[in-house]
PDB file of N, CA and C in Angstrom:
ATOM      1  N   MET A   1       0.187 -22.498 -27.876  1.00  0.00           N
ATOM      2  CA  MET A   1       0.370 -21.968 -26.962  1.00  0.00           C
ATOM      3  C   MET A   1      -0.160 -23.482 -25.613  1.00  0.00           C
ATOM      4  N   THR A   2       0.151 -24.034 -24.627  1.00  0.00           N
ATOM      5  CA  THR A   2      -0.068 -25.194 -24.149  1.00  0.00           C
ATOM      6  C   THR A   2      -0.939 -24.875 -22.938  1.00  0.00           C
ATOM      7  N   ALA A   3      -1.998 -25.444 -23.017  1.00  0.00           N
ATOM      8  CA  ALA A   3      -2.538 -25.092 -21.387  1.00  0.00           C
ATOM      9  C   ALA A   3      -2.089 -24.876 -20.471  1.00  0.00           C
ATOM     10  N   ALA A   4      -0.941 -25.389 -19.798  1.00  0.00           N
ATOM     11  CA  ALA A   4      -0.204 -25.173 -19.566  1.00  0.00           C
ATOM     12  C   ALA A   4       1.112 -23.780 -19.058  1.00  0.00           C
ATOM     13  N   ALA A   5       0.772 -23.586 -20.510  1.00  0.00           N
ATOM     14  CA  ALA A   5       1.842 -22.315 -20.480  1.00  0.00           C
ATOM     15  C   ALA A   5       0.744 -20.805 -20.436  1.00  0.00           C
ATOM     16  N   ARG A   6      -0.454 -20.643 -20.330  1.00  0.00           N
ATOM     17  CA  ARG A   6      -1.809 -19.432 -20.570  1.00  0.00           C
ATOM     18  C   ARG A   6      -1.023 -19.196 -18.581  1.00  0.00           C
ATOM     19  N   VAL A   7      -1.770 -17.781 -18.412  1.00  0.00           N
ATOM     20  CA  VAL A   7      -1.891 -17.452 -17.520  1.00  0.00           C
ATOM     21  C   VAL A   7      -3.439 -17.616 -17.216  1.00  0.00           C
ATOM     22  N   ASP A   8      -3.619 -18.228 -16.363  1.00  0.00           N
ATOM     23  CA  ASP A   8      -5.222 -18.618 -15.714  1.00  0.00           C
ATOM     24  C   ASP A   8      -5.420 -16.819 -14.824  1.00  0.00           C
ATOM     25  N   ILE A   9      -6.220 -15.778 -15.411  1.00  0.00           N
ATOM     26  CA  ILE A   9      -6.978 -14.565 -14.944  1.00  0.00           C
ATOM     27  C   ILE A   9      -7.771 -15.123 -14.103  1.00  0.00           C
ATOM     28  N   ASP A  10      -8.424 -14.887 -13.539  1.00  0.00           N
ATOM     29  CA  ASP A  10      -9.971 -15.319 -12.724  1.00  0.00           C
ATOM     30  C   ASP A  10     -10.247 -13.195 -12.325  1.00  0.00           C
ATOM     31  N   ARG A  11     -11.387 -13.374 -13.167  1.00  0.00           N
ATOM     32  CA  ARG A  11     -11.940 -11.263 -12.426  1.00  0.00           C
ATOM     33  C   ARG A  11     -12.468 -11.007 -11.282  1.00  0.00           C
ATOM     34  N   GLU A  12     -12.632 -12.302 -10.693  1.00  0.00           N
ATOM     35  CA  GLU A  12     -13.083 -11.999  -9.177  1.00  0.00           C
ATOM     36  C   GLU A  12     -11.537 -11.616  -8.641  1.00  0.00           C
ATOM     37  N   ASN A  13     -11.016 -11.707  -9.124  1.00  0.00           N
ATOM     38  CA  ASN A  13     -10.176 -12.204  -7.313  1.00  0.00           C
ATOM     39  C   ASN A  13      -8.740 -11.209  -8.329  1.00  0.00           C
ATOM     40  N   VAL A  14      -9.047 -11.103  -9.071  1.00  0.00           N
ATOM     41  CA  VAL A  14      -7.659  -9.344  -9.673  1.00  0.00           C
ATOM     42  C   VAL A  14      -7.761  -8.713  -8.608  1.00  0.00           C
ATOM     43  N   GLY A  15      -8.088  -8.417  -7.874  1.00  0.00           N
ATOM     44  CA  GLY A  15      -7.715  -7.555  -6.521  1.00  0.00           C
ATOM     45  C   GLY A  15      -7.431  -7.840  -5.818  1.00  0.00           C
ATOM     46  N   ARG A  16      -7.938  -9.347  -5.277  1.00  0.00           N
ATOM     47  CA  ARG A  16      -6.862 -10.256  -3.991  1.00  0.00           C
ATOM     48  C   ARG A  16      -5.841 -10.124  -4.493  1.00  0.00           C
ATOM     49  N   ASP A  17      -5.469 -10.341  -6.022  1.00  0.00           N
ATOM     50  CA  ASP A  17      -3.743 -10.635  -6.239  1.00  0.00           C
ATOM     51  C   ASP A  17      -3.267  -9.588  -6.661  1.00  0.00           C
ATOM     52  N   LEU A  18      -3.860  -8.413  -6.905  1.00  0.00           N
ATOM     53  CA  LEU A  18      -2.830  -7.085  -6.449  1.00  0.00           C
ATOM     54  C   LEU A  18      -2.514  -6.601  -5.453  1.00  0.00           C
ATOM     55  N   ALA A  19      -3.610  -6.890  -4.133  1.00  0.00           N
ATOM     56  CA  ALA A  19      -3.092  -6.952  -2.909  1.00  0.00           C
ATOM     57  C   ALA A  19      -2.359  -7.947  -2.895  1.00  0.00           C
ATOM     58  N   SER A  20      -2.048  -9.229  -2.827  1.00  0.00           N
ATOM     59  CA  SER A  20      -1.245 -10.205  -2.031  1.00  0.00           C
ATOM     60  C   SER A  20       0.151  -9.703  -3.317  1.00  0.00           C
ATOM     61  N   LEU A  21       0.275  -9.041  -4.701  1.00  0.00           N
ATOM     62  CA  LEU A  21       1.435  -7.905  -5.113  1.00  0.00           C
ATOM     63  C   LEU A  21       1.694  -7.002  -4.147  1.00  0.00           C
ATOM     64  N   VAL A  22       1.128  -6.654  -3.882  1.00  0.00           N
ATOM     65  CA  VAL A  22       1.567  -4.996  -3.714  1.00  0.00           C
ATOM     66  C   VAL A  22       2.746  -5.303  -2.140  1.00  0.00           C
ATOM     67  N   LEU A  23       1.367  -6.284  -1.527  1.00  0.00           N
ATOM     68  CA  LEU A  23       1.704  -6.631  -0.025  1.00  0.00           C
ATOM     69  C   LEU A  23       3.000  -7.164   0.064  1.00  0.00           C
ATOM     70  N   THR A  24       3.439  -7.730  -1.030  1.00  0.00           N
ATOM     71  CA  THR A  24       4.565  -8.583  -1.245  1.00  0.00           C
ATOM     72  C   THR A  24       5.809  -7.489  -1.201  1.00  0.00           C
ATOM     73  N   VAL A  25       5.506  -6.673  -1.670  1.00  0.00           N
ATOM     74  CA  VAL A  25       6.945  -5.790  -2.278  1.00  0.00           C
ATOM     75  C   VAL A  25       7.002  -5.227  -0.721  1.00  0.00           C
ATOM     76  N   VAL A  26       5.617  -4.536  -0.131  1.00  0.00           N
ATOM     77  CA  VAL A  26       6.021  -3.667   0.955  1.00  0.00           C
ATOM     78  C   VAL A  26       6.297  -4.548   1.974  1.00  0.00           C
ATOM     79  N   GLU A  27       6.417  -6.009   2.214  1.00  0.00           N
ATOM     80  CA  GLU A  27       6.848  -7.132   2.994  1.00  0.00           C
ATOM     81  C   GLU A  27       8.480  -7.157   2.761  1.00  0.00           C
ATOM     82  N   LEU A  28       8.184  -7.495   2.090  1.00  0.00           N
ATOM     83  CA  LEU A  28       9.754  -7.355   1.538  1.00  0.00           C
ATOM     84  C   LEU A  28      10.939  -5.388   1.928  1.00  0.00           C
ATOM     85  N   LEU A  29      10.578  -4.930   1.674  1.00  0.00           N
ATOM     86  CA  LEU A  29      10.708  -3.559   2.051  1.00  0.00           C
ATOM     87  C   LEU A  29      11.179  -2.889   3.690  1.00  0.00           C
ATOM     88  N   ARG A  30       9.733  -3.964   4.433  1.00  0.00           N
ATOM     89  CA  ARG A  30       9.650  -3.902   5.872  1.00  0.00           C
ATOM     90  C   ARG A  30      10.549  -4.848   6.306  1.00  0.00           C
ATOM     91  N   GLN A  31      11.231  -6.027   6.077  1.00  0.00           N
ATOM     92  CA  GLN A  31      11.564  -6.956   6.093  1.00  0.00           C
ATOM     93  C   GLN A  31      13.626  -6.300   5.947  1.00  0.00           C
ATOM     94  N   LEU A  32      13.790  -5.358   5.006  1.00  0.00           N
ATOM     95  CA  LEU A  32      14.813  -5.135   4.812  1.00  0.00           C
ATOM     96  C   LEU A  32      15.483  -3.963   5.363  1.00  0.00           C
ATOM     97  N   MET A  33      14.267  -2.857   5.589  1.00  0.00           N
ATOM     98  CA  MET A  33      14.563  -2.158   7.182  1.00  0.00           C
ATOM     99  C   MET A  33      15.023  -2.728   8.189  1.00  0.00           C
ATOM    100  N   GLU A  34      13.807  -3.719   8.270  1.00  0.00           N
ATOM    101  CA  GLU A  34      14.122  -4.285   9.784  1.00  0.00           C
ATOM    102  C   GLU A  34      15.353  -4.734  10.015  1.00  0.00           C
ATOM    103  N   ARG A  35      16.204  -5.715   8.759  1.00  0.00           N
ATOM    104  CA  ARG A  35      17.423  -5.531   9.005  1.00  0.00           C
ATOM    105  C   ARG A  35      18.442  -4.384   9.130  1.00  0.00           C
ATOM    106  N   GLN A  36      18.437  -3.239   8.488  1.00  0.00           N
ATOM    107  CA  GLN A  36      19.316  -2.035   8.734  1.00  0.00           C
ATOM    108  C   GLN A  36      19.213  -2.049  10.529  1.00  0.00           C
ATOM    109  N   ALA A  37      18.066  -1.722  10.561  1.00  0.00           N
ATOM    110  CA  ALA A  37      17.385  -1.377  12.394  1.00  0.00           C
ATOM    111  C   ALA A  37      18.964  -2.077  12.964  1.00  0.00           C
ATOM    112  N   ILE A  38      19.149  -3.583  12.607  1.00  0.00           N
ATOM    113  CA  ILE A  38      19.343  -4.426  13.039  1.00  0.00           C
ATOM    114  C   ILE A  38      21.333  -3.943  13.243  1.00  0.00           C
ATOM    115  N   ARG A  39      21.006  -3.872  12.098  1.00  0.00           N
ATOM    116  CA  ARG A  39      23.051  -3.565  11.856  1.00  0.00           C
ATOM    117  C   ARG A  39      23.279  -2.435  12.539  1.00  0.00           C
ATOM    118  N   ARG A  40      21.780  -1.220  12.710  1.00  0.00           N
ATOM    119  CA  ARG A  40      22.558  -0.283  13.255  1.00  0.00           C
ATOM    120  C   ARG A  40      22.619   0.034  14.676  1.00  0.00           C
ATOM    121  N   PHE A  41      21.262  -1.054  15.728  1.00  0.00           N
ATOM    122  CA  PHE A  41      21.456  -1.305  16.502  1.00  0.00           C
ATOM    123  C   PHE A  41      22.830  -1.923  17.132  1.00  0.00           C
ATOM    124  N   ASP A  42      23.124  -2.837  16.781  1.00  0.00           N
ATOM    125  CA  ASP A  42      24.253  -3.684  16.288  1.00  0.00           C
ATOM    126  C   ASP A  42      26.052  -2.719  16.274  1.00  0.00           C
ATOM    127  N   GLN A  43      25.687  -1.619  15.442  1.00  0.00           N
ATOM    128  CA  GLN A  43      26.684  -0.880  15.410  1.00  0.00           C
ATOM    129  C   GLN A  43      27.082   0.304  16.734  1.00  0.00           C
ATOM    130  N   GLY A  44      25.381   0.682  16.803  1.00  0.00           N
ATOM    131  CA  GLY A  44      25.766   1.931  18.011  1.00  0.00           C
ATOM    132  C   GLY A  44      25.729   2.633  17.159  1.00  0.00           C
ATOM    133  N   ASP A  45      25.450   3.111  16.204  1.00  0.00           N
ATOM    134  CA  ASP A  45      24.615   3.834  15.803  1.00  0.00           C
ATOM    135  C   ASP A  45      23.611   5.486  15.484  1.00  0.00           C
ATOM    136  N   LEU A  46      23.373   4.309  16.780  1.00  0.00           N
ATOM    137  CA  LEU A  46      21.762   5.364  17.209  1.00  0.00           C
ATOM    138  C   LEU A  46      21.540   5.747  18.507  1.00  0.00           C
ATOM    139  N   THR A  47      20.884   6.585  18.412  1.00  0.00           N
ATOM    140  CA  THR A  47      20.551   7.117  20.398  1.00  0.00           C
ATOM    141  C   THR A  47      19.643   6.064  20.233  1.00  0.00           C
ATOM    142  N   ALA A  48      19.813   6.050  22.370  1.00  0.00           N
ATOM    143  CA  ALA A  48      18.956   5.711  22.772  1.00  0.00           C
ATOM    144  C   ALA A  48      17.669   5.947  22.391  1.00  0.00           C
ATOM    145  N   GLU A  49      17.031   7.317  22.343  1.00  0.00           N
ATOM    146  CA  GLU A  49      15.533   7.794  21.365  1.00  0.00           C
ATOM    147  C   GLU A  49      15.540   7.462  20.310  1.00  0.00           C
ATOM    148  N   GLN A  50      16.206   6.982  19.589  1.00  0.00           N
ATOM    149  CA  GLN A  50      16.135   6.764  17.921  1.00  0.00           C
ATOM    150  C   GLN A  50      16.216   5.464  18.077  1.00  0.00           C
ATOM    151  N   GLU A  51      16.764   4.871  18.597  1.00  0.00           N
ATOM    152  CA  GLU A  51      15.842   3.388  19.212  1.00  0.00           C
ATOM    153  C   GLU A  51      14.881   3.330  19.123  1.00  0.00           C
ATOM    154  N   GLU A  52      14.560   3.602  20.196  1.00  0.00           N
ATOM    155  CA  GLU A  52      13.688   3.672  20.616  1.00  0.00           C
ATOM    156  C   GLU A  52      12.481   4.072  19.231  1.00  0.00           C
ATOM    157  N   ARG A  53      12.566   4.626  18.604  1.00  0.00           N
ATOM    158  CA  ARG A  53      11.774   5.333  17.442  1.00  0.00           C
ATOM    159  C   ARG A  53      11.846   3.935  16.608  1.00  0.00           C
ATOM    160  N   VAL A  54      13.287   4.173  16.166  1.00  0.00           N
ATOM    161  CA  VAL A  54      12.811   3.052  15.542  1.00  0.00           C
ATOM    162  C   VAL A  54      11.858   1.596  16.006  1.00  0.00           C
ATOM    163  N   GLY A  55      12.335   1.218  16.780  1.00  0.00           N
ATOM    164  CA  GLY A  55      11.610  -0.680  17.616  1.00  0.00           C
ATOM    165  C   GLY A  55      10.576  -0.038  17.261  1.00  0.00           C
ATOM    166  N   THR A  56       9.536   1.250  17.332  1.00  0.00           N
ATOM    167  CA  THR A  56       8.352   1.441  17.861  1.00  0.00           C
ATOM    168  C   THR A  56       7.279   1.366  16.508  1.00  0.00           C
ATOM    169  N   THR A  57       8.254   1.599  15.286  1.00  0.00           N
ATOM    170  CA  THR A  57       8.154   2.311  13.836  1.00  0.00           C
ATOM    171  C   THR A  57       7.505   0.651  13.134  1.00  0.00           C
ATOM    172  N   LEU A  58       8.329   0.034  13.575  1.00  0.00           N
ATOM    173  CA  LEU A  58       8.760  -1.293  13.355  1.00  0.00           C
ATOM    174  C   LEU A  58       7.672  -2.406  13.997  1.00  0.00           C
ATOM    175  N   MET A  59       7.845  -2.049  15.345  1.00  0.00           N
ATOM    176  CA  MET A  59       6.621  -2.953  15.351  1.00  0.00           C
ATOM    177  C   MET A  59       5.185  -2.509  14.694  1.00  0.00           C
ATOM    178  N   LEU A  60       5.365  -0.950  14.857  1.00  0.00           N
ATOM    179  CA  LEU A  60       3.764  -0.766  14.435  1.00  0.00           C
ATOM    180  C   LEU A  60       3.073  -1.464  12.561  1.00  0.00           C
ATOM    181  N   LEU A  61       4.832  -0.833  12.389  1.00  0.00           N
ATOM    182  CA  LEU A  61       4.232  -1.397  10.766  1.00  0.00           C
ATOM    183  C   LEU A  61       3.910  -2.785  10.128  1.00  0.00           C
ATOM    184  N   ASP A  62       4.577  -3.594  11.322  1.00  0.00           N
ATOM    185  CA  ASP A  62       4.341  -5.023  11.265  1.00  0.00           C
ATOM    186  C   ASP A  62       3.046  -5.963  12.157  1.00  0.00           C
ATOM    187  N   GLU A  63       1.992  -4.871  12.476  1.00  0.00           N
ATOM    188  CA  GLU A  63       1.305  -4.893  13.357  1.00  0.00           C
ATOM    189  C   GLU A  63       0.634  -4.165  11.609  1.00  0.00           C
ATOM    190  N   ARG A  64       0.139  -3.162  11.382  1.00  0.00           N
ATOM    191  CA  ARG A  64      -0.316  -3.323  10.406  1.00  0.00           C
ATOM    192  C   ARG A  64      -0.563  -4.268   9.035  1.00  0.00           C
ATOM    193  N   MET A  65       0.859  -4.483   8.482  1.00  0.00           N
ATOM    194  CA  MET A  65       0.519  -5.654   7.580  1.00  0.00           C
ATOM    195  C   MET A  65       0.043  -7.037   7.659  1.00  0.00           C
ATOM    196  N   SER A  66       0.158  -6.804   9.670  1.00  0.00           N
ATOM    197  CA  SER A  66      -1.384  -8.508   9.844  1.00  0.00           C
ATOM    198  C   SER A  66      -2.818  -7.628   9.270  1.00  0.00           C
ATOM    199  N   GLU A  67      -2.313  -6.294  10.014  1.00  0.00           N
ATOM    200  CA  GLU A  67      -4.524  -5.877   9.762  1.00  0.00           C
ATOM    201  C   GLU A  67      -4.535  -5.534   8.305  1.00  0.00           C
ATOM    202  N   LEU A  68      -3.856  -5.517   7.239  1.00  0.00           N
ATOM    203  CA  LEU A  68      -3.652  -5.465   6.292  1.00  0.00           C
ATOM    204  C   LEU A  68      -3.921  -6.432   5.170  1.00  0.00           C
ATOM    205  N   CYS A  69      -2.708  -7.588   5.550  1.00  0.00           N
ATOM    206  CA  CYS A  69      -3.377  -9.363   5.334  1.00  0.00           C
ATOM    207  C   CYS A  69      -4.766  -9.920   5.489  1.00  0.00           C
ATOM    208  N   THR A  70      -5.709  -9.835   6.683  1.00  0.00           N
ATOM    209  CA  THR A  70      -6.385  -9.604   7.061  1.00  0.00           C
ATOM    210  C   THR A  70      -7.285  -9.105   6.267  1.00  0.00           C
ATOM    211  N   GLN A  71      -7.685  -8.090   5.885  1.00  0.00           N
ATOM    212  CA  GLN A  71      -8.623  -7.245   4.921  1.00  0.00           C
ATOM    213  C   GLN A  71      -8.852  -7.869   4.169  1.00  0.00           C
ATOM    214  N   HIS A  72      -7.490  -8.413   3.607  1.00  0.00           N
ATOM    215  CA  HIS A  72      -7.561  -9.014   2.275  1.00  0.00           C
ATOM    216  C   HIS A  72      -8.137 -10.149   1.487  1.00  0.00           C
ATOM    217  N   GLY A  73      -7.948 -10.370   3.342  1.00  0.00           N
ATOM    218  CA  GLY A  73      -8.384 -12.091   3.494  1.00  0.00           C
ATOM    219  C   GLY A  73      -7.028 -13.286   2.532  1.00  0.00           C
ATOM    220  N   LEU A  74      -5.859 -12.531   3.026  1.00  0.00           N
ATOM    221  CA  LEU A  74      -4.722 -13.222   2.801  1.00  0.00           C
ATOM    222  C   LEU A  74      -3.523 -13.697   4.439  1.00  0.00           C
ATOM    223  N   ARG A  75      -3.192 -14.466   4.363  1.00  0.00           N
ATOM    224  CA  ARG A  75      -1.763 -15.004   5.217  1.00  0.00           C
ATOM    225  C   ARG A  75      -0.621 -14.721   5.003  1.00  0.00           C
ATOM    226  N   ARG A  76       0.191 -13.523   6.164  1.00  0.00           N
ATOM    227  CA  ARG A  76       1.774 -13.542   5.773  1.00  0.00           C
ATOM    228  C   ARG A  76       2.462 -14.726   5.209  1.00  0.00           C
ATOM    229  N   GLU A  77       1.980 -16.554   5.213  1.00  0.00           N
ATOM    230  CA  GLU A  77       2.582 -17.012   3.846  1.00  0.00           C
ATOM    231  C   GLU A  77       2.367 -16.772   2.606  1.00  0.00           C
ATOM    232  N   ASP A  78       0.784 -16.524   2.264  1.00  0.00           N
ATOM    233  CA  ASP A  78       0.732 -16.305   0.618  1.00  0.00           C
ATOM    234  C   ASP A  78       1.551 -15.276   0.580  1.00  0.00           C
ATOM    235  N   LEU A  79       1.880 -14.310   1.131  1.00  0.00           N
ATOM    236  CA  LEU A  79       2.795 -13.247   0.290  1.00  0.00           C
ATOM    237  C   LEU A  79       4.464 -13.529   0.200  1.00  0.00           C
ATOM    238  N   ASN A  80       4.931 -14.617   0.630  1.00  0.00           N
ATOM    239  CA  ASN A  80       6.142 -15.230  -0.135  1.00  0.00           C
ATOM    240  C   ASN A  80       6.078 -16.421  -2.020  1.00  0.00           C
ATOM    241  N   LEU A  81       7.507 -15.660  -2.144  1.00  0.00           N
ATOM    242  CA  LEU A  81       7.174 -16.485  -3.120  1.00  0.00           C
ATOM    243  C   LEU A  81       8.109 -17.458  -3.425  1.00  0.00           C
ATOM    244  N   ASP A  82       7.770 -17.889  -3.930  1.00  0.00           N
ATOM    245  CA  ASP A  82       8.876 -19.327  -4.208  1.00  0.00           C
ATOM    246  C   ASP A  82       9.892 -18.914  -4.759  1.00  0.00           C
ATOM    247  N   LEU A  83      11.113 -18.604  -5.339  1.00  0.00           N
ATOM    248  CA  LEU A  83      11.941 -18.651  -6.169  1.00  0.00           C
ATOM    249  C   LEU A  83      12.705 -19.769  -6.450  1.00  0.00           C
ATOM    250  N   GLY A  84      12.220 -20.683  -6.733  1.00  0.00           N
ATOM    251  CA  GLY A  84      13.034 -22.829  -6.588  1.00  0.00           C
ATOM    252  C   GLY A  84      14.462 -22.425  -6.219  1.00  0.00           C
ATOM    253  N   PRO A  85      15.081 -22.923  -7.101  1.00  0.00           N
ATOM    254  CA  PRO A  85      16.502 -23.255  -6.060  1.00  0.00           C
ATOM    255  C   PRO A  85      16.681 -22.028  -5.907  1.00  0.00           C
ATOM    256  N   LEU A  86      16.102 -20.348  -5.467  1.00  0.00           N
ATOM    257  CA  LEU A  86      17.292 -19.692  -4.665  1.00  0.00           C
ATOM    258  C   LEU A  86      16.609 -19.702  -2.886  1.00  0.00           C
ATOM    259  N   GLY A  87      15.413 -20.011  -3.226  1.00  0.00           N
ATOM    260  CA  GLY A  87      14.062 -20.677  -1.993  1.00  0.00           C
ATOM    261  C   GLY A  87      13.413 -19.502  -2.435  1.00  0.00           C
ATOM    262  N   THR A  88      13.444 -18.809  -1.173  1.00  0.00           N
ATOM    263  CA  THR A  88      11.530 -17.923  -0.822  1.00  0.00           C
ATOM    264  C   THR A  88      12.274 -16.749  -0.935  1.00  0.00           C
ATOM    265  N   LEU A  89      11.155 -15.052  -1.277  1.00  0.00           N
ATOM    266  CA  LEU A  89      11.823 -14.281  -1.314  1.00  0.00           C
ATOM    267  C   LEU A  89      11.805 -13.497   0.017  1.00  0.00           C
ATOM    268  N   LEU A  90      10.763 -14.081   0.337  1.00  0.00           N
ATOM    269  CA  LEU A  90      11.050 -13.354   2.257  1.00  0.00           C
ATOM    270  C   LEU A  90      11.902 -14.238   3.230  1.00  0.00           C
ATOM    271  N   SER A  91      12.061 -14.190   4.652  1.00  0.00           N
ATOM    272  CA  SER A  91      12.380 -14.425   5.528  1.00  0.00           C
ATOM    273  C   SER A  91      11.514 -15.150   6.308  1.00  0.00           C
ATOM    274  N   ASP A  92      11.345 -15.925   7.144  1.00  0.00           N
ATOM    275  CA  ASP A  92       9.933 -17.495   7.670  1.00  0.00           C
ATOM    276  C   ASP A  92      10.003 -16.734   8.966  1.00  0.00           C
ATOM    277  N   THR A  93      10.168 -15.493   9.104  1.00  0.00           N
ATOM    278  CA  THR A  93      10.521 -14.965  11.022  1.00  0.00           C
ATOM    279  C   THR A  93       8.783 -14.271  11.066  1.00  0.00           C
ATOM    280  N   HIS A  94       8.078 -14.510   9.818  1.00  0.00           N
ATOM    281  CA  HIS A  94       6.593 -13.952  10.582  1.00  0.00           C
ATOM    282  C   HIS A  94       5.261 -15.329   9.671  1.00  0.00           C
ATOM    283  N   PHE A  95       5.796 -16.132   9.641  1.00  0.00           N
ATOM    284  CA  PHE A  95       5.666 -17.161   9.056  1.00  0.00           C
ATOM    285  C   PHE A  95       5.216 -18.260  10.029  1.00  0.00           C
TER     286      PHE A  95
END
């Protein structure tokens, strides 16, 4: 195995790396939920009360994501994965 092929695991950063991975998945799901909500808004599938509730929930979730990133010493940009020729995993709306 070459040096470039080895995985470099730093015991001191395992918790931060795990938090980064978990928050990346949560951010991906949050963005998917946000896109679905926008589609439903545009289609008129929601009542005014439902729109208000969904909007408030998404704003609170966005704020909480920022708080969790700060707690773990991460920036929102740190959550985005480069998928090579496919681009990045997350949309750039928060970076």
